[in-house]
Structures are given as structure tokens and as C-alpha cells.
Amino acid sequence: PDAVPAVEYRLQWEPGRQRLYDESLQPED
């Protein structure tokens, strides 16, 4: 966590990528 404080989540790209998996990961707060 000290080396990687954040991971980018692109709203226009990630929903399409999530369809590649059985379970999707959605940001909450």
C-alpha cells in the first residue's frame, strides 16, 4: 500500500473488461 496508493478504474473501459469474468468487481464508496 505504501508503494501503490491507488489503482485507476476507468468508468468507460472497466465495465467491458468485467464481462470477461464470472464475477464482476464494482467500486463502493
PDB file of all heavy atoms in Angstrom:
ATOM      1  N   PRO A   1       0.802  -1.229   0.000  1.00  0.00           N
ATOM      2  CA  PRO A   1       0.000   0.000   0.000  1.00  0.00           C
ATOM      3  C   PRO A   1       0.838   1.285   0.000  1.00  0.00           C
ATOM      4  O   PRO A   1       0.381   2.306  -0.500  1.00  0.00           O
ATOM      5  CB  PRO A   1      -0.853  -0.122   1.258  1.00  0.00           C
ATOM      6  CG  PRO A   1      -0.157  -1.112   2.115  1.00  0.00           C
ATOM      7  CD  PRO A   1       0.584  -2.030   1.192  1.00  0.00           C
ATOM      8  N   ASP A   2       2.049   1.237   0.544  1.00  0.00           N
ATOM      9  CA  ASP A   2       2.889   2.439   0.534  1.00  0.00           C
ATOM     10  C   ASP A   2       3.465   2.711  -0.849  1.00  0.00           C
ATOM     11  O   ASP A   2       3.733   3.857  -1.204  1.00  0.00           O
ATOM     12  CB  ASP A   2       4.037   2.312   1.542  1.00  0.00           C
ATOM     13  CG  ASP A   2       3.524   2.290   2.980  1.00  0.00           C
ATOM     14  OD1 ASP A   2       2.450   2.873   3.226  1.00  0.00           O
ATOM     15  OD2 ASP A   2       4.200   1.696   3.838  1.00  0.00           O
ATOM     16  N   ALA A   3       3.676   1.669  -1.636  1.00  0.00           N
ATOM     17  CA  ALA A   3       4.246   1.823  -2.975  1.00  0.00           C
ATOM     18  C   ALA A   3       3.179   2.077  -4.032  1.00  0.00           C
ATOM     19  O   ALA A   3       3.428   2.750  -5.030  1.00  0.00           O
ATOM     20  CB  ALA A   3       5.055   0.578  -3.349  1.00  0.00           C
ATOM     21  N   VAL A   4       1.988   1.521  -3.831  1.00  0.00           N
ATOM     22  CA  VAL A   4       0.895   1.662  -4.807  1.00  0.00           C
ATOM     23  C   VAL A   4      -0.334   2.195  -4.059  1.00  0.00           C
ATOM     24  O   VAL A   4      -1.161   1.426  -3.587  1.00  0.00           O
ATOM     25  CB  VAL A   4       0.571   0.303  -5.478  1.00  0.00           C
ATOM     26  CG1 VAL A   4      -0.474   0.483  -6.569  1.00  0.00           C
ATOM     27  CG2 VAL A   4       1.817  -0.358  -6.021  1.00  0.00           C
ATOM     28  N   PRO A   5      -0.444   3.520  -3.935  1.00  0.00           N
ATOM     29  CA  PRO A   5      -1.536   4.069  -3.140  1.00  0.00           C
ATOM     30  C   PRO A   5      -2.912   4.026  -3.811  1.00  0.00           C
ATOM     31  O   PRO A   5      -3.925   4.161  -3.139  1.00  0.00           O
ATOM     32  CB  PRO A   5      -1.110   5.517  -2.903  1.00  0.00           C
ATOM     33  CG  PRO A   5      -0.224   5.830  -4.058  1.00  0.00           C
ATOM     34  CD  PRO A   5       0.458   4.548  -4.414  1.00  0.00           C
ATOM     35  N   ALA A   6      -2.949   3.856  -5.133  1.00  0.00           N
ATOM     36  CA  ALA A   6      -4.240   3.858  -5.826  1.00  0.00           C
ATOM     37  C   ALA A   6      -4.143   3.045  -7.117  1.00  0.00           C
ATOM     38  O   ALA A   6      -3.070   2.900  -7.685  1.00  0.00           O
ATOM     39  CB  ALA A   6      -4.662   5.277  -6.159  1.00  0.00           C
ATOM     40  N   VAL A   7      -5.283   2.525  -7.559  1.00  0.00           N
ATOM     41  CA  VAL A   7      -5.386   1.811  -8.828  1.00  0.00           C
ATOM     42  C   VAL A   7      -6.449   2.519  -9.654  1.00  0.00           C
ATOM     43  O   VAL A   7      -7.542   2.785  -9.161  1.00  0.00           O
ATOM     44  CB  VAL A   7      -5.774   0.327  -8.613  1.00  0.00           C
ATOM     45  CG1 VAL A   7      -5.988  -0.382  -9.930  1.00  0.00           C
ATOM     46  CG2 VAL A   7      -4.709  -0.375  -7.786  1.00  0.00           C
ATOM     47  N   GLU A   8      -6.123   2.841 -10.895  1.00  0.00           N
ATOM     48  CA  GLU A   8      -7.058   3.560 -11.750  1.00  0.00           C
ATOM     49  C   GLU A   8      -8.199   2.653 -12.200  1.00  0.00           C
ATOM     50  O   GLU A   8      -7.986   1.513 -12.590  1.00  0.00           O
ATOM     51  CB  GLU A   8      -6.307   4.085 -12.971  1.00  0.00           C
ATOM     52  CG  GLU A   8      -7.137   4.952 -13.868  1.00  0.00           C
ATOM     53  CD  GLU A   8      -6.312   5.568 -14.973  1.00  0.00           C
ATOM     54  OE1 GLU A   8      -5.204   6.045 -14.716  1.00  0.00           O
ATOM     55  OE2 GLU A   8      -6.792   5.547 -16.106  1.00  0.00           O
ATOM     56  N   TYR A   9      -9.397   3.174 -12.145  1.00  0.00           N
ATOM     57  CA  TYR A   9     -10.597   2.457 -12.590  1.00  0.00           C
ATOM     58  C   TYR A   9     -11.276   3.360 -13.608  1.00  0.00           C
ATOM     59  O   TYR A   9     -11.857   4.379 -13.253  1.00  0.00           O
ATOM     60  CB  TYR A   9     -11.521   2.202 -11.395  1.00  0.00           C
ATOM     61  CG  TYR A   9     -12.764   1.417 -11.722  1.00  0.00           C
ATOM     62  CD1 TYR A   9     -12.796   0.047 -11.538  1.00  0.00           C
ATOM     63  CD2 TYR A   9     -13.907   2.038 -12.204  1.00  0.00           C
ATOM     64  CE1 TYR A   9     -13.938  -0.682 -11.819  1.00  0.00           C
ATOM     65  CE2 TYR A   9     -15.058   1.314 -12.496  1.00  0.00           C
ATOM     66  CZ  TYR A   9     -15.058  -0.041 -12.293  1.00  0.00           C
ATOM     67  OH  TYR A   9     -16.180  -0.754 -12.576  1.00  0.00           O
ATOM     68  N   ARG A  10     -11.160   3.031 -14.876  1.00  0.00           N
ATOM     69  CA  ARG A  10     -11.732   3.863 -15.934  1.00  0.00           C
ATOM     70  C   ARG A  10     -13.173   3.457 -16.173  1.00  0.00           C
ATOM     71  O   ARG A  10     -13.450   2.346 -16.616  1.00  0.00           O
ATOM     72  CB  ARG A  10     -10.922   3.712 -17.225  1.00  0.00           C
ATOM     73  CG  ARG A  10      -9.469   4.110 -17.126  1.00  0.00           C
ATOM     74  CD  ARG A  10      -9.280   5.599 -16.975  1.00  0.00           C
ATOM     75  NE  ARG A  10      -9.860   6.370 -18.038  1.00  0.00           N
ATOM     76  CZ  ARG A  10      -9.175   6.975 -18.981  1.00  0.00           C
ATOM     77  NH1 ARG A  10      -7.874   6.892 -19.013  1.00  0.00           N
ATOM     78  NH2 ARG A  10      -9.808   7.662 -19.907  1.00  0.00           N
ATOM     79  N   LEU A  11     -14.091   4.350 -15.869  1.00  0.00           N
ATOM     80  CA  LEU A  11     -15.511   4.033 -15.982  1.00  0.00           C
ATOM     81  C   LEU A  11     -15.925   3.649 -17.392  1.00  0.00           C
ATOM     82  O   LEU A  11     -16.818   2.839 -17.580  1.00  0.00           O
ATOM     83  CB  LEU A  11     -16.355   5.215 -15.495  1.00  0.00           C
ATOM     84  CG  LEU A  11     -16.303   5.469 -14.009  1.00  0.00           C
ATOM     85  CD1 LEU A  11     -17.083   6.733 -13.671  1.00  0.00           C
ATOM     86  CD2 LEU A  11     -16.845   4.297 -13.231  1.00  0.00           C
ATOM     87  N   GLN A  12     -15.268   4.192 -18.413  1.00  0.00           N
ATOM     88  CA  GLN A  12     -15.675   3.861 -19.777  1.00  0.00           C
ATOM     89  C   GLN A  12     -15.087   2.529 -20.251  1.00  0.00           C
ATOM     90  O   GLN A  12     -15.590   1.949 -21.191  1.00  0.00           O
ATOM     91  CB  GLN A  12     -15.338   4.998 -20.754  1.00  0.00           C
ATOM     92  CG  GLN A  12     -13.872   5.196 -21.010  1.00  0.00           C
ATOM     93  CD  GLN A  12     -13.243   6.261 -20.128  1.00  0.00           C
ATOM     94  OE1 GLN A  12     -13.629   6.423 -18.984  1.00  0.00           O
ATOM     95  NE2 GLN A  12     -12.288   6.977 -20.648  1.00  0.00           N
ATOM     96  N   TRP A  13     -14.039   2.025 -19.607  1.00  0.00           N
ATOM     97  CA  TRP A  13     -13.409   0.773 -20.051  1.00  0.00           C
ATOM     98  C   TRP A  13     -13.734  -0.417 -19.163  1.00  0.00           C
ATOM     99  O   TRP A  13     -13.940  -1.527 -19.631  1.00  0.00           O
ATOM    100  CB  TRP A  13     -11.902   0.921 -20.093  1.00  0.00           C
ATOM    101  CG  TRP A  13     -11.387   1.892 -21.072  1.00  0.00           C
ATOM    102  CD1 TRP A  13     -12.036   2.411 -22.167  1.00  0.00           C
ATOM    103  CD2 TRP A  13     -10.108   2.497 -21.059  1.00  0.00           C
ATOM    104  NE1 TRP A  13     -11.238   3.299 -22.814  1.00  0.00           N
ATOM    105  CE2 TRP A  13     -10.043   3.372 -22.169  1.00  0.00           C
ATOM    106  CE3 TRP A  13      -9.002   2.396 -20.228  1.00  0.00           C
ATOM    107  CZ2 TRP A  13      -8.917   4.137 -22.458  1.00  0.00           C
ATOM    108  CZ3 TRP A  13      -7.889   3.153 -20.520  1.00  0.00           C
ATOM    109  CH2 TRP A  13      -7.848   4.005 -21.623  1.00  0.00           C
ATOM    110  N   GLU A  14     -13.724  -0.207 -17.871  1.00  0.00           N
ATOM    111  CA  GLU A  14     -13.774  -1.341 -16.949  1.00  0.00           C
ATOM    112  C   GLU A  14     -15.054  -2.168 -17.036  1.00  0.00           C
ATOM    113  O   GLU A  14     -14.975  -3.398 -16.962  1.00  0.00           O
ATOM    114  CB  GLU A  14     -13.534  -0.864 -15.519  1.00  0.00           C
ATOM    115  CG  GLU A  14     -13.106  -1.968 -14.603  1.00  0.00           C
ATOM    116  CD  GLU A  14     -11.874  -2.716 -15.091  1.00  0.00           C
ATOM    117  OE1 GLU A  14     -10.914  -2.104 -15.575  1.00  0.00           O
ATOM    118  OE2 GLU A  14     -11.880  -3.953 -14.976  1.00  0.00           O
ATOM    119  N   PRO A  15     -16.236  -1.597 -17.208  1.00  0.00           N
ATOM    120  CA  PRO A  15     -17.420  -2.467 -17.322  1.00  0.00           C
ATOM    121  C   PRO A  15     -17.294  -3.489 -18.449  1.00  0.00           C
ATOM    122  O   PRO A  15     -17.702  -4.635 -18.303  1.00  0.00           O
ATOM    123  CB  PRO A  15     -18.561  -1.484 -17.573  1.00  0.00           C
ATOM    124  CG  PRO A  15     -18.106  -0.238 -16.891  1.00  0.00           C
ATOM    125  CD  PRO A  15     -16.612  -0.191 -17.145  1.00  0.00           C
ATOM    126  N   GLY A  16     -16.685  -3.123 -19.564  1.00  0.00           N
ATOM    127  CA  GLY A  16     -16.472  -4.075 -20.657  1.00  0.00           C
ATOM    128  C   GLY A  16     -15.488  -5.167 -20.278  1.00  0.00           C
ATOM    129  O   GLY A  16     -15.672  -6.336 -20.611  1.00  0.00           O
ATOM    130  N   ARG A  17     -14.445  -4.801 -19.560  1.00  0.00           N
ATOM    131  CA  ARG A  17     -13.460  -5.793 -19.110  1.00  0.00           C
ATOM    132  C   ARG A  17     -14.067  -6.744 -18.088  1.00  0.00           C
ATOM    133  O   ARG A  17     -13.723  -7.927 -18.048  1.00  0.00           O
ATOM    134  CB  ARG A  17     -12.254  -5.090 -18.501  1.00  0.00           C
ATOM    135  CG  ARG A  17     -11.435  -4.340 -19.489  1.00  0.00           C
ATOM    136  CD  ARG A  17     -10.302  -3.659 -18.806  1.00  0.00           C
ATOM    137  NE  ARG A  17      -9.567  -2.825 -19.740  1.00  0.00           N
ATOM    138  CZ  ARG A  17      -8.676  -1.940 -19.387  1.00  0.00           C
ATOM    139  NH1 ARG A  17      -8.396  -1.759 -18.113  1.00  0.00           N
ATOM    140  NH2 ARG A  17      -8.045  -1.225 -20.288  1.00  0.00           N
ATOM    141  N   GLN A  18     -14.950  -6.223 -17.260  1.00  0.00           N
ATOM    142  CA  GLN A  18     -15.557  -7.053 -16.215  1.00  0.00           C
ATOM    143  C   GLN A  18     -16.408  -8.169 -16.808  1.00  0.00           C
ATOM    144  O   GLN A  18     -16.619  -9.187 -16.162  1.00  0.00           O
ATOM    145  CB  GLN A  18     -16.402  -6.189 -15.277  1.00  0.00           C
ATOM    146  CG  GLN A  18     -15.591  -5.256 -14.420  1.00  0.00           C
ATOM    147  CD  GLN A  18     -14.775  -5.980 -13.369  1.00  0.00           C
ATOM    148  OE1 GLN A  18     -15.222  -6.946 -12.776  1.00  0.00           O
ATOM    149  NE2 GLN A  18     -13.561  -5.513 -13.150  1.00  0.00           N
ATOM    150  N   ARG A  19     -16.904  -7.998 -18.022  1.00  0.00           N
ATOM    151  CA  ARG A  19     -17.710  -9.054 -18.645  1.00  0.00           C
ATOM    152  C   ARG A  19     -16.879 -10.289 -18.981  1.00  0.00           C
ATOM    153  O   ARG A  19     -17.422 -11.326 -19.312  1.00  0.00           O
ATOM    154  CB  ARG A  19     -18.380  -8.517 -19.912  1.00  0.00           C
ATOM    155  CG  ARG A  19     -19.549  -7.619 -19.613  1.00  0.00           C
ATOM    156  CD  ARG A  19     -20.380  -7.374 -20.854  1.00  0.00           C
ATOM    157  NE  ARG A  19     -19.682  -6.579 -21.849  1.00  0.00           N
ATOM    158  CZ  ARG A  19     -19.683  -5.248 -21.896  1.00  0.00           C
ATOM    159  NH1 ARG A  19     -20.337  -4.568 -20.994  1.00  0.00           N
ATOM    160  NH2 ARG A  19     -19.032  -4.610 -22.842  1.00  0.00           N
ATOM    161  N   LEU A  20     -15.563 -10.181 -18.888  1.00  0.00           N
ATOM    162  CA  LEU A  20     -14.701 -11.328 -19.158  1.00  0.00           C
ATOM    163  C   LEU A  20     -14.682 -12.329 -18.007  1.00  0.00           C
ATOM    164  O   LEU A  20     -14.207 -13.442 -18.161  1.00  0.00           O
ATOM    165  CB  LEU A  20     -13.273 -10.860 -19.441  1.00  0.00           C
ATOM    166  CG  LEU A  20     -13.102  -9.944 -20.650  1.00  0.00           C
ATOM    167  CD1 LEU A  20     -11.667  -9.454 -20.721  1.00  0.00           C
ATOM    168  CD2 LEU A  20     -13.490 -10.654 -21.926  1.00  0.00           C
ATOM    169  N   TYR A  21     -15.201 -11.929 -16.855  1.00  0.00           N
ATOM    170  CA  TYR A  21     -15.154 -12.769 -15.659  1.00  0.00           C
ATOM    171  C   TYR A  21     -16.551 -13.155 -15.203  1.00  0.00           C
ATOM    172  O   TYR A  21     -17.519 -12.449 -15.465  1.00  0.00           O
ATOM    173  CB  TYR A  21     -14.435 -12.028 -14.520  1.00  0.00           C
ATOM    174  CG  TYR A  21     -13.031 -11.639 -14.892  1.00  0.00           C
ATOM    175  CD1 TYR A  21     -12.722 -10.339 -15.271  1.00  0.00           C
ATOM    176  CD2 TYR A  21     -12.022 -12.587 -14.896  1.00  0.00           C
ATOM    177  CE1 TYR A  21     -11.435  -9.993 -15.628  1.00  0.00           C
ATOM    178  CE2 TYR A  21     -10.732 -12.244 -15.258  1.00  0.00           C
ATOM    179  CZ  TYR A  21     -10.442 -10.946 -15.617  1.00  0.00           C
ATOM    180  OH  TYR A  21      -9.177 -10.615 -15.982  1.00  0.00           O
ATOM    181  N   ASP A  22     -16.644 -14.273 -14.483  1.00  0.00           N
ATOM    182  CA  ASP A  22     -17.931 -14.721 -13.946  1.00  0.00           C
ATOM    183  C   ASP A  22     -18.466 -13.751 -12.891  1.00  0.00           C
ATOM    184  O   ASP A  22     -19.650 -13.502 -12.818  1.00  0.00           O
ATOM    185  CB  ASP A  22     -17.807 -16.113 -13.331  1.00  0.00           C
ATOM    186  CG  ASP A  22     -17.750 -17.203 -14.385  1.00  0.00           C
ATOM    187  OD1 ASP A  22     -18.192 -16.960 -15.517  1.00  0.00           O
ATOM    188  OD2 ASP A  22     -17.260 -18.297 -14.065  1.00  0.00           O
ATOM    189  N   GLU A  23     -17.592 -13.214 -12.061  1.00  0.00           N
ATOM    190  CA  GLU A  23     -17.987 -12.274 -11.017  1.00  0.00           C
ATOM    191  C   GLU A  23     -17.365 -10.921 -11.339  1.00  0.00           C
ATOM    192  O   GLU A  23     -16.190 -10.837 -11.639  1.00  0.00           O
ATOM    193  CB  GLU A  23     -17.474 -12.714  -9.641  1.00  0.00           C
ATOM    194  CG  GLU A  23     -17.775 -14.153  -9.286  1.00  0.00           C
ATOM    195  CD  GLU A  23     -16.727 -15.129  -9.787  1.00  0.00           C
ATOM    196  OE1 GLU A  23     -15.590 -14.722 -10.048  1.00  0.00           O
ATOM    197  OE2 GLU A  23     -17.066 -16.298  -9.949  1.00  0.00           O
ATOM    198  N   SER A  24     -18.146  -9.862 -11.242  1.00  0.00           N
ATOM    199  CA  SER A  24     -17.594  -8.540 -11.506  1.00  0.00           C
ATOM    200  C   SER A  24     -17.219  -7.854 -10.201  1.00  0.00           C
ATOM    201  O   SER A  24     -17.767  -8.153  -9.145  1.00  0.00           O
ATOM    202  CB  SER A  24     -18.590  -7.679 -12.289  1.00  0.00           C
ATOM    203  OG  SER A  24     -19.719  -7.422 -11.505  1.00  0.00           O
ATOM    204  N   LEU A  25     -16.270  -6.946 -10.286  1.00  0.00           N
ATOM    205  CA  LEU A  25     -15.844  -6.157  -9.140  1.00  0.00           C
ATOM    206  C   LEU A  25     -16.346  -4.734  -9.357  1.00  0.00           C
ATOM    207  O   LEU A  25     -16.052  -4.125 -10.377  1.00  0.00           O
ATOM    208  CB  LEU A  25     -14.318  -6.146  -9.031  1.00  0.00           C
ATOM    209  CG  LEU A  25     -13.638  -7.501  -8.921  1.00  0.00           C
ATOM    210  CD1 LEU A  25     -12.135  -7.342  -8.977  1.00  0.00           C
ATOM    211  CD2 LEU A  25     -14.044  -8.161  -7.622  1.00  0.00           C
ATOM    212  N   GLN A  26     -17.096  -4.229  -8.422  1.00  0.00           N
ATOM    213  CA  GLN A  26     -17.654  -2.890  -8.547  1.00  0.00           C
ATOM    214  C   GLN A  26     -17.168  -2.031  -7.388  1.00  0.00           C
ATOM    215  O   GLN A  26     -17.171  -2.476  -6.237  1.00  0.00           O
ATOM    216  CB  GLN A  26     -19.187  -2.956  -8.530  1.00  0.00           C
ATOM    217  CG  GLN A  26     -19.782  -3.783  -9.647  1.00  0.00           C
ATOM    218  CD  GLN A  26     -19.437  -3.242 -11.018  1.00  0.00           C
ATOM    219  OE1 GLN A  26     -19.399  -2.039 -11.227  1.00  0.00           O
ATOM    220  NE2 GLN A  26     -19.166  -4.122 -11.956  1.00  0.00           N
ATOM    221  N   PRO A  27     -16.748  -0.798  -7.686  1.00  0.00           N
ATOM    222  CA  PRO A  27     -16.319   0.080  -6.593  1.00  0.00           C
ATOM    223  C   PRO A  27     -17.510   0.498  -5.733  1.00  0.00           C
ATOM    224  O   PRO A  27     -18.607   0.702  -6.236  1.00  0.00           O
ATOM    225  CB  PRO A  27     -15.715   1.283  -7.321  1.00  0.00           C
ATOM    226  CG  PRO A  27     -16.276   1.242  -8.691  1.00  0.00           C
ATOM    227  CD  PRO A  27     -16.623  -0.176  -8.984  1.00  0.00           C
ATOM    228  N   GLU A  28     -17.268   0.582  -4.439  1.00  0.00           N
ATOM    229  CA  GLU A  28     -18.265   1.064  -3.480  1.00  0.00           C
ATOM    230  C   GLU A  28     -17.588   2.120  -2.625  1.00  0.00           C
ATOM    231  O   GLU A  28     -16.595   1.831  -1.955  1.00  0.00           O
ATOM    232  CB  GLU A  28     -18.765  -0.084  -2.607  1.00  0.00           C
ATOM    233  CG  GLU A  28     -19.528  -1.148  -3.367  1.00  0.00           C
ATOM    234  CD  GLU A  28     -19.963  -2.291  -2.472  1.00  0.00           C
ATOM    235  OE1 GLU A  28     -19.985  -2.110  -1.232  1.00  0.00           O
ATOM    236  OE2 GLU A  28     -20.265  -3.360  -3.023  1.00  0.00           O
ATOM    237  N   ASP A  29     -18.097   3.332  -2.685  1.00  0.00           N
ATOM    238  CA  ASP A  29     -17.515   4.457  -1.939  1.00  0.00           C
ATOM    239  C   ASP A  29     -16.032   4.639  -2.261  1.00  0.00           C
ATOM    240  O   ASP A  29     -15.225   4.921  -1.376  1.00  0.00           O
ATOM    241  CB  ASP A  29     -17.712   4.274  -0.435  1.00  0.00           C
ATOM    242  CG  ASP A  29     -19.176   4.244  -0.039  1.00  0.00           C
ATOM    243  OD1 ASP A  29     -19.970   4.993  -0.658  1.00  0.00           O
ATOM    244  OD2 ASP A  29     -19.530   3.469   0.866  1.00  0.00           O
TER     245      ASP A  29
END
